[in-house]
């Protein structure tokens, strides 16, 4: 069971890394355009937003960045 858990955790970590690269670096490239089904013009207009989201979502998911108590919210 421990091996299955480690494999699942590895897959999830790799997916997070892929999504970060996709949102931060490939947003307005053919790979990003195809993945999100958007036009080049829209991708250029939203590139900064996507890069911020790509970074924020990944940093936010780190254990140390999560509030530990309800009062921390």
Protein backbone atom coordinates (compact mmCIF):
# COMPACT_ATOMS: atom_id res chain seq x y z
CA UNK A 1 0.00 0.00 0.00
CA UNK A 2 2.87 2.39 0.76
CA UNK A 3 4.24 1.99 -2.77
CA UNK A 4 0.85 2.84 -4.29
CA UNK A 5 0.61 5.91 -2.07
CA UNK A 6 4.07 7.08 -3.10
CA UNK A 7 3.26 6.57 -6.78
CA UNK A 8 0.03 8.57 -6.46
CA UNK A 9 1.86 11.38 -4.63
CA UNK A 10 4.53 11.43 -7.34
CA UNK A 11 1.93 11.62 -10.10
CA UNK A 12 0.14 14.49 -8.36
CA UNK A 13 3.45 16.36 -7.86
CA UNK A 14 4.37 15.90 -11.52
CA UNK A 15 0.95 17.16 -12.60
CA UNK A 16 1.35 20.25 -10.41
CA UNK A 17 4.72 20.92 -12.01
CA UNK A 18 3.27 20.46 -15.50
CA UNK A 19 0.38 22.84 -14.79
CA UNK A 20 2.77 25.44 -13.40
CA UNK A 21 4.96 25.30 -16.53
CA UNK A 22 1.89 25.35 -18.75
CA UNK A 23 0.40 28.41 -17.04
CA UNK A 24 3.64 30.34 -16.51
CA UNK A 25 5.72 29.64 -19.60
CA UNK A 26 3.58 28.00 -22.29
CA UNK A 27 0.41 30.08 -21.94
CA UNK A 28 0.75 31.88 -25.29
CA UNK A 29 2.66 29.12 -27.08
CA UNK A 30 0.92 26.50 -29.28
CA UNK A 31 0.89 23.96 -26.43
CA UNK A 32 -0.87 26.39 -24.08
CA UNK A 33 -3.25 27.65 -26.71
CA UNK A 34 -4.32 24.09 -27.50
CA UNK A 35 -4.59 23.04 -23.84
CA UNK A 36 -6.84 25.96 -22.93
CA UNK A 37 -8.60 26.36 -26.29
CA UNK A 38 -8.03 30.08 -26.61
CA UNK A 39 -6.94 32.53 -29.26
CA UNK A 40 -3.44 34.00 -29.47
CA UNK A 41 -4.86 37.50 -28.81
CA UNK A 42 -6.66 36.42 -25.65
CA UNK A 43 -3.57 34.54 -24.46
CA UNK A 44 -1.38 37.61 -24.91
CA UNK A 45 -3.91 39.78 -23.05
CA UNK A 46 -4.09 37.36 -20.10
CA UNK A 47 -0.47 36.16 -19.97
CA UNK A 48 0.42 38.05 -16.77
CA UNK A 49 -2.71 36.76 -15.03
CA UNK A 50 -1.92 33.19 -16.02
CA UNK A 51 1.68 33.44 -14.85
CA UNK A 52 0.52 34.81 -11.51
CA UNK A 53 -2.04 32.02 -11.16
CA UNK A 54 0.53 29.39 -12.10
CA UNK A 55 2.86 30.59 -9.38
CA UNK A 56 0.21 31.32 -6.74
CA UNK A 57 -1.58 27.99 -7.01
CA UNK A 58 1.68 26.06 -6.62
CA UNK A 59 3.05 28.19 -3.75
CA UNK A 60 -0.32 28.21 -1.99
CA UNK A 61 -0.36 24.42 -1.99
CA UNK A 62 2.87 24.18 0.00
CA UNK A 63 2.22 23.06 3.59
CA UNK A 64 4.10 25.96 5.21
CA UNK A 65 1.96 28.58 3.49
CA UNK A 66 -1.32 27.24 4.88
CA UNK A 67 -2.82 28.87 7.98
CA UNK A 68 -2.71 26.45 10.87
CA UNK A 69 -5.64 27.91 12.85
CA UNK A 70 -9.01 29.35 11.94
CA UNK A 71 -7.92 32.65 13.51
CA UNK A 72 -5.08 32.87 10.92
CA UNK A 73 -7.63 33.42 8.16
